[in-house]
């Protein structure tokens, strides 16, 4: 059973930065493309960023140029560096395995709140 644990969220002012981390147990990340998602209050979960097995990255338009996804296959970790944060980035952030594979059980996520 794969377990995903996200961390690194918090309260930050607009324009600030945070670095999110995701650690997985039960399956090596290195065999899969990995995603970061977020769910804002009252909204559906949305895909934020993807990193391929070969470290190619793609981003949602809303975060392009501000967020950077990366991975450390030795540590089985996934990261999301978030810069120039905006109020609309407020959400719970989750990591998971990317398509075409089915999602692993979702972790609890990490809350990011951007507010002055």
N, C-alpha and C. Protein backbone atom coordinates (compact mmCIF):
# COMPACT_ATOMS: atom_id res chain seq x y z
N UNK A 1 0.84 -1.18 0.00
CA UNK A 1 0.00 0.00 0.00
C UNK A 1 0.89 1.24 0.00
N UNK A 2 0.73 2.08 -1.02
CA UNK A 2 1.50 3.31 -1.10
C UNK A 2 0.90 4.34 -0.17
N UNK A 3 1.76 5.02 0.54
CA UNK A 3 1.33 6.14 1.38
C UNK A 3 2.05 7.41 0.95
N UNK A 4 1.31 8.45 0.74
CA UNK A 4 1.85 9.75 0.34
C UNK A 4 1.66 10.73 1.49
N UNK A 5 2.71 11.46 1.80
CA UNK A 5 2.64 12.45 2.87
C UNK A 5 3.19 13.76 2.33
N UNK A 6 2.32 14.77 2.30
CA UNK A 6 2.71 16.09 1.84
C UNK A 6 3.01 16.98 3.04
N UNK A 7 3.93 17.91 2.88
CA UNK A 7 4.28 18.83 3.95
C UNK A 7 4.84 20.12 3.36
N UNK A 8 5.02 21.10 4.24
CA UNK A 8 5.66 22.34 3.81
C UNK A 8 4.71 23.51 3.63
N UNK A 9 3.42 23.26 3.76
CA UNK A 9 2.45 24.34 3.62
C UNK A 9 2.49 25.29 4.80
N UNK A 10 1.71 26.34 4.71
CA UNK A 10 1.64 27.32 5.78
C UNK A 10 0.97 28.58 5.34
N UNK A 11 1.08 29.59 6.19
CA UNK A 11 0.52 30.91 5.90
C UNK A 11 1.63 31.81 5.41
N UNK A 12 1.40 32.45 4.28
CA UNK A 12 2.41 33.31 3.69
C UNK A 12 1.73 34.53 3.09
N UNK A 13 2.43 35.64 3.07
CA UNK A 13 1.89 36.86 2.48
C UNK A 13 1.98 36.80 0.96
N UNK A 14 1.13 37.53 0.28
CA UNK A 14 1.25 37.61 -1.18
C UNK A 14 2.66 38.03 -1.57
N UNK A 15 3.18 37.36 -2.59
CA UNK A 15 4.55 37.61 -3.03
C UNK A 15 5.57 36.71 -2.38
N UNK A 16 5.16 35.99 -1.36
CA UNK A 16 6.08 35.12 -0.65
C UNK A 16 6.31 33.79 -1.34
N UNK A 17 7.08 32.94 -0.68
CA UNK A 17 7.46 31.64 -1.24
C UNK A 17 7.26 30.53 -0.23
N UNK A 18 7.01 29.35 -0.76
CA UNK A 18 6.97 28.13 0.03
C UNK A 18 7.53 27.00 -0.79
N UNK A 19 8.05 26.00 -0.11
CA UNK A 19 8.50 24.79 -0.79
C UNK A 19 7.75 23.60 -0.20
N UNK A 20 6.97 22.95 -1.02
CA UNK A 20 6.23 21.78 -0.59
C UNK A 20 7.03 20.52 -0.86
N UNK A 21 6.84 19.54 0.00
CA UNK A 21 7.50 18.25 -0.16
C UNK A 21 6.47 17.13 -0.13
N UNK A 22 6.79 16.07 -0.81
CA UNK A 22 5.94 14.87 -0.81
C UNK A 22 6.86 13.67 -0.70
N UNK A 23 6.59 12.84 0.28
CA UNK A 23 7.37 11.61 0.43
C UNK A 23 6.43 10.43 0.26
N UNK A 24 6.94 9.41 -0.39
CA UNK A 24 6.12 8.23 -0.63
C UNK A 24 6.77 6.97 -0.08
N UNK A 25 5.96 6.11 0.44
CA UNK A 25 6.45 4.81 0.89
C UNK A 25 5.62 3.74 0.18
N UNK A 26 6.28 2.67 -0.17
CA UNK A 26 5.57 1.55 -0.77
C UNK A 26 5.76 1.41 -2.27
N UNK A 27 6.26 2.46 -2.93
CA UNK A 27 6.53 2.35 -4.36
C UNK A 27 7.51 3.43 -4.78
N UNK A 28 8.51 3.09 -5.56
CA UNK A 28 9.50 4.09 -5.96
C UNK A 28 8.89 5.09 -6.94
N UNK A 29 9.11 6.38 -6.67
CA UNK A 29 8.64 7.42 -7.56
C UNK A 29 9.34 7.36 -8.91
N UNK A 30 10.55 6.84 -8.95
CA UNK A 30 11.38 6.99 -10.14
C UNK A 30 10.79 6.28 -11.36
N UNK A 31 9.85 5.37 -11.13
CA UNK A 31 9.25 4.63 -12.25
C UNK A 31 8.06 5.36 -12.86
N UNK A 32 7.68 6.51 -12.30
CA UNK A 32 6.44 7.16 -12.71
C UNK A 32 6.63 8.65 -12.91
N UNK A 33 5.83 9.21 -13.83
CA UNK A 33 5.63 10.65 -13.82
C UNK A 33 4.80 10.99 -12.59
N UNK A 34 5.05 12.17 -12.03
CA UNK A 34 4.39 12.58 -10.78
C UNK A 34 3.74 13.94 -10.95
N UNK A 35 2.66 14.14 -10.21
CA UNK A 35 1.87 15.36 -10.29
C UNK A 35 1.78 16.05 -8.93
N UNK A 36 1.61 17.35 -8.99
CA UNK A 36 1.09 18.13 -7.87
C UNK A 36 -0.30 18.62 -8.28
N UNK A 37 -1.24 18.50 -7.36
CA UNK A 37 -2.60 18.98 -7.53
C UNK A 37 -2.90 19.97 -6.40
N UNK A 38 -3.98 20.70 -6.56
CA UNK A 38 -4.48 21.52 -5.46
C UNK A 38 -6.00 21.57 -5.52
N UNK A 39 -6.58 21.80 -4.34
CA UNK A 39 -8.02 21.96 -4.24
C UNK A 39 -8.29 23.20 -3.39
N UNK A 40 -8.84 24.19 -4.04
CA UNK A 40 -9.23 25.41 -3.34
C UNK A 40 -10.60 25.22 -2.71
N UNK A 41 -10.93 26.00 -1.70
CA UNK A 41 -12.23 25.86 -1.04
C UNK A 41 -13.39 25.95 -2.02
N UNK A 42 -14.27 24.97 -2.00
CA UNK A 42 -15.44 24.98 -2.85
C UNK A 42 -15.18 24.65 -4.30
N UNK A 43 -13.96 24.23 -4.62
CA UNK A 43 -13.63 23.94 -6.01
C UNK A 43 -13.14 22.51 -6.16
N UNK A 44 -13.10 22.04 -7.40
CA UNK A 44 -12.59 20.71 -7.67
C UNK A 44 -11.07 20.72 -7.65
N UNK A 45 -10.53 19.54 -7.45
CA UNK A 45 -9.07 19.40 -7.47
C UNK A 45 -8.56 19.69 -8.88
N UNK A 46 -7.48 20.44 -8.98
CA UNK A 46 -6.92 20.78 -10.29
C UNK A 46 -5.45 20.41 -10.35
N UNK A 47 -5.01 20.04 -11.54
CA UNK A 47 -3.63 19.69 -11.76
C UNK A 47 -2.79 20.96 -11.84
N UNK A 48 -1.71 20.98 -11.08
CA UNK A 48 -0.84 22.16 -11.02
C UNK A 48 0.42 21.96 -11.83
N UNK A 49 1.07 20.81 -11.66
CA UNK A 49 2.35 20.57 -12.31
C UNK A 49 2.61 19.08 -12.45
N UNK A 50 3.37 18.74 -13.48
CA UNK A 50 3.73 17.35 -13.74
C UNK A 50 5.22 17.28 -14.05
N UNK A 51 5.85 16.22 -13.55
CA UNK A 51 7.24 15.95 -13.91
C UNK A 51 7.33 14.53 -14.44
N UNK A 52 7.95 14.38 -15.60
CA UNK A 52 8.05 13.07 -16.23
C UNK A 52 9.19 12.27 -15.63
N UNK A 53 9.28 11.01 -16.06
CA UNK A 53 10.37 10.16 -15.62
C UNK A 53 11.71 10.78 -16.02
N UNK A 54 11.72 11.43 -17.15
CA UNK A 54 12.94 12.07 -17.62
C UNK A 54 13.10 13.51 -17.16
N UNK A 55 12.28 13.93 -16.20
CA UNK A 55 12.36 15.27 -15.59
C UNK A 55 11.88 16.39 -16.51
N UNK A 56 11.11 16.05 -17.52
CA UNK A 56 10.42 17.11 -18.26
C UNK A 56 9.25 17.59 -17.40
N UNK A 57 8.99 18.89 -17.45
CA UNK A 57 7.97 19.46 -16.58
C UNK A 57 6.92 20.22 -17.38
N UNK A 58 5.70 20.19 -16.89
CA UNK A 58 4.61 20.99 -17.45
C UNK A 58 3.85 21.62 -16.29
N UNK A 59 3.23 22.77 -16.58
CA UNK A 59 2.55 23.54 -15.55
C UNK A 59 1.21 24.06 -16.03
N UNK A 60 0.30 24.20 -15.08
CA UNK A 60 -0.94 24.89 -15.38
C UNK A 60 -0.61 26.35 -15.69
N UNK A 61 -1.39 26.94 -16.57
CA UNK A 61 -1.13 28.33 -16.95
C UNK A 61 -1.11 29.26 -15.74
N UNK A 62 -1.94 28.95 -14.74
CA UNK A 62 -2.07 29.84 -13.58
C UNK A 62 -0.79 29.91 -12.75
N UNK A 63 0.08 28.91 -12.87
CA UNK A 63 1.29 28.89 -12.04
C UNK A 63 2.57 28.95 -12.85
N UNK A 64 2.46 28.94 -14.16
CA UNK A 64 3.64 28.92 -15.03
C UNK A 64 4.52 30.13 -14.76
N UNK A 65 5.80 29.87 -14.59
CA UNK A 65 6.76 30.93 -14.32
C UNK A 65 6.91 31.25 -12.84
N UNK A 66 6.04 30.69 -12.01
CA UNK A 66 6.12 30.94 -10.57
C UNK A 66 6.42 29.68 -9.78
N UNK A 67 5.94 28.55 -10.25
CA UNK A 67 6.12 27.28 -9.54
C UNK A 67 7.13 26.41 -10.28
N UNK A 68 7.87 25.60 -9.52
CA UNK A 68 8.81 24.65 -10.11
C UNK A 68 8.66 23.30 -9.43
N UNK A 69 8.40 22.29 -10.23
CA UNK A 69 8.30 20.93 -9.71
C UNK A 69 9.63 20.23 -9.91
N UNK A 70 10.02 19.44 -8.93
CA UNK A 70 11.28 18.69 -9.04
C UNK A 70 11.14 17.39 -8.24
N UNK A 71 12.13 16.54 -8.42
CA UNK A 71 12.06 15.25 -7.74
C UNK A 71 13.45 14.82 -7.32
N UNK A 72 13.51 13.98 -6.28
CA UNK A 72 14.75 13.35 -5.84
C UNK A 72 14.44 11.87 -5.75
N UNK A 73 14.85 11.13 -6.76
CA UNK A 73 14.50 9.72 -6.81
C UNK A 73 15.23 8.89 -5.75
N UNK A 74 16.37 9.36 -5.32
CA UNK A 74 17.11 8.63 -4.28
C UNK A 74 16.32 8.68 -2.97
N UNK A 75 15.78 9.84 -2.66
CA UNK A 75 15.02 10.01 -1.41
C UNK A 75 13.53 9.69 -1.59
N UNK A 76 13.13 9.40 -2.82
CA UNK A 76 11.71 9.17 -3.11
C UNK A 76 10.86 10.37 -2.70
N UNK A 77 11.32 11.53 -3.11
CA UNK A 77 10.67 12.79 -2.76
C UNK A 77 10.27 13.55 -4.01
N UNK A 78 9.19 14.30 -3.86
CA UNK A 78 8.71 15.21 -4.88
C UNK A 78 8.60 16.58 -4.24
N UNK A 79 8.93 17.63 -4.99
CA UNK A 79 8.92 18.98 -4.44
C UNK A 79 8.13 19.92 -5.34
N UNK A 80 7.64 20.99 -4.72
CA UNK A 80 7.02 22.08 -5.47
C UNK A 80 7.50 23.39 -4.85
N UNK A 81 8.37 24.07 -5.57
CA UNK A 81 8.82 25.40 -5.15
C UNK A 81 7.83 26.41 -5.68
N UNK A 82 7.25 27.18 -4.78
CA UNK A 82 6.22 28.15 -5.15
C UNK A 82 6.71 29.55 -4.80
N UNK A 83 6.86 30.36 -5.81
CA UNK A 83 7.31 31.75 -5.64
C UNK A 83 6.22 32.71 -6.08
N UNK A 84 6.36 33.95 -5.67
CA UNK A 84 5.41 34.99 -6.06
C UNK A 84 3.97 34.54 -5.82
N UNK A 85 3.75 34.03 -4.64
CA UNK A 85 2.44 33.47 -4.33
C UNK A 85 1.36 34.53 -4.35
N UNK A 86 0.18 34.11 -4.80
CA UNK A 86 -0.99 34.97 -4.90
C UNK A 86 -2.10 34.44 -3.99
N UNK A 87 -3.02 35.30 -3.66
CA UNK A 87 -4.14 34.88 -2.81
C UNK A 87 -4.86 33.69 -3.44
N UNK A 88 -4.96 33.69 -4.76
CA UNK A 88 -5.68 32.61 -5.44
C UNK A 88 -4.93 31.28 -5.46
N UNK A 89 -3.72 31.27 -4.94
CA UNK A 89 -3.00 30.00 -4.78
C UNK A 89 -3.40 29.27 -3.50
N UNK A 90 -4.21 29.91 -2.69
CA UNK A 90 -4.67 29.28 -1.45
C UNK A 90 -5.44 28.02 -1.77
N UNK A 91 -4.98 26.91 -1.18
CA UNK A 91 -5.58 25.60 -1.46
C UNK A 91 -4.88 24.55 -0.61
N UNK A 92 -5.44 23.36 -0.64
CA UNK A 92 -4.74 22.18 -0.12
C UNK A 92 -4.03 21.54 -1.29
N UNK A 93 -2.75 21.27 -1.12
CA UNK A 93 -1.91 20.74 -2.18
C UNK A 93 -1.62 19.26 -1.94
N UNK A 94 -1.71 18.49 -3.02
CA UNK A 94 -1.54 17.04 -2.97
C UNK A 94 -0.56 16.60 -4.05
N UNK A 95 0.12 15.50 -3.79
CA UNK A 95 0.94 14.87 -4.82
C UNK A 95 0.34 13.51 -5.16
N UNK A 96 0.64 13.03 -6.36
CA UNK A 96 0.21 11.69 -6.74
C UNK A 96 0.90 11.27 -8.03
N UNK A 97 0.69 10.05 -8.36
CA UNK A 97 1.23 9.48 -9.58
C UNK A 97 0.43 10.02 -10.77
N UNK A 98 1.14 10.25 -11.86
CA UNK A 98 0.50 10.83 -13.05
C UNK A 98 -0.08 9.74 -13.96
N UNK A 99 -0.95 10.18 -14.88
CA UNK A 99 -1.48 9.27 -15.89
C UNK A 99 -0.33 8.72 -16.73
N UNK A 100 -0.48 7.55 -17.32
CA UNK A 100 -1.71 6.79 -17.47
C UNK A 100 -2.02 5.83 -16.33
N UNK A 101 -1.26 5.91 -15.27
CA UNK A 101 -1.49 4.99 -14.16
C UNK A 101 -2.59 5.53 -13.25
N UNK A 102 -3.32 4.64 -12.60
CA UNK A 102 -4.33 5.10 -11.65
C UNK A 102 -3.67 5.77 -10.45
N UNK A 103 -4.40 6.67 -9.84
CA UNK A 103 -3.87 7.38 -8.68
C UNK A 103 -3.66 6.41 -7.51
N UNK A 104 -2.63 6.70 -6.76
CA UNK A 104 -2.46 6.04 -5.47
C UNK A 104 -3.47 6.63 -4.48
N UNK A 105 -3.65 6.00 -3.32
CA UNK A 105 -4.52 6.61 -2.29
C UNK A 105 -4.02 8.02 -1.97
N UNK A 106 -4.93 8.96 -1.91
CA UNK A 106 -4.55 10.34 -1.67
C UNK A 106 -4.10 10.55 -0.23
N UNK A 107 -3.06 11.36 -0.08
CA UNK A 107 -2.64 11.77 1.24
C UNK A 107 -3.56 12.84 1.79
N UNK A 108 -3.20 13.37 2.93
CA UNK A 108 -4.02 14.41 3.57
C UNK A 108 -3.77 15.78 2.96
N UNK A 109 -2.70 15.90 2.21
CA UNK A 109 -2.39 17.19 1.61
C UNK A 109 -1.76 18.14 2.61
N UNK A 110 -1.34 19.28 2.08
CA UNK A 110 -0.77 20.32 2.93
C UNK A 110 -1.42 21.64 2.58
N UNK A 111 -1.86 22.36 3.60
CA UNK A 111 -2.61 23.60 3.39
C UNK A 111 -1.66 24.76 3.10
N UNK A 112 -1.95 25.46 2.04
CA UNK A 112 -1.25 26.70 1.70
C UNK A 112 -2.26 27.83 1.76
N UNK A 113 -1.96 28.81 2.58
CA UNK A 113 -2.83 29.98 2.70
C UNK A 113 -2.02 31.23 2.39
N UNK A 114 -2.47 31.96 1.40
CA UNK A 114 -1.79 33.20 1.01
C UNK A 114 -2.71 34.36 1.38
N UNK A 115 -2.26 35.14 2.33
CA UNK A 115 -3.11 36.21 2.84
C UNK A 115 -2.24 37.29 3.48
N UNK A 116 -2.71 38.52 3.35
CA UNK A 116 -2.00 39.61 4.01
C UNK A 116 -2.61 39.88 5.39
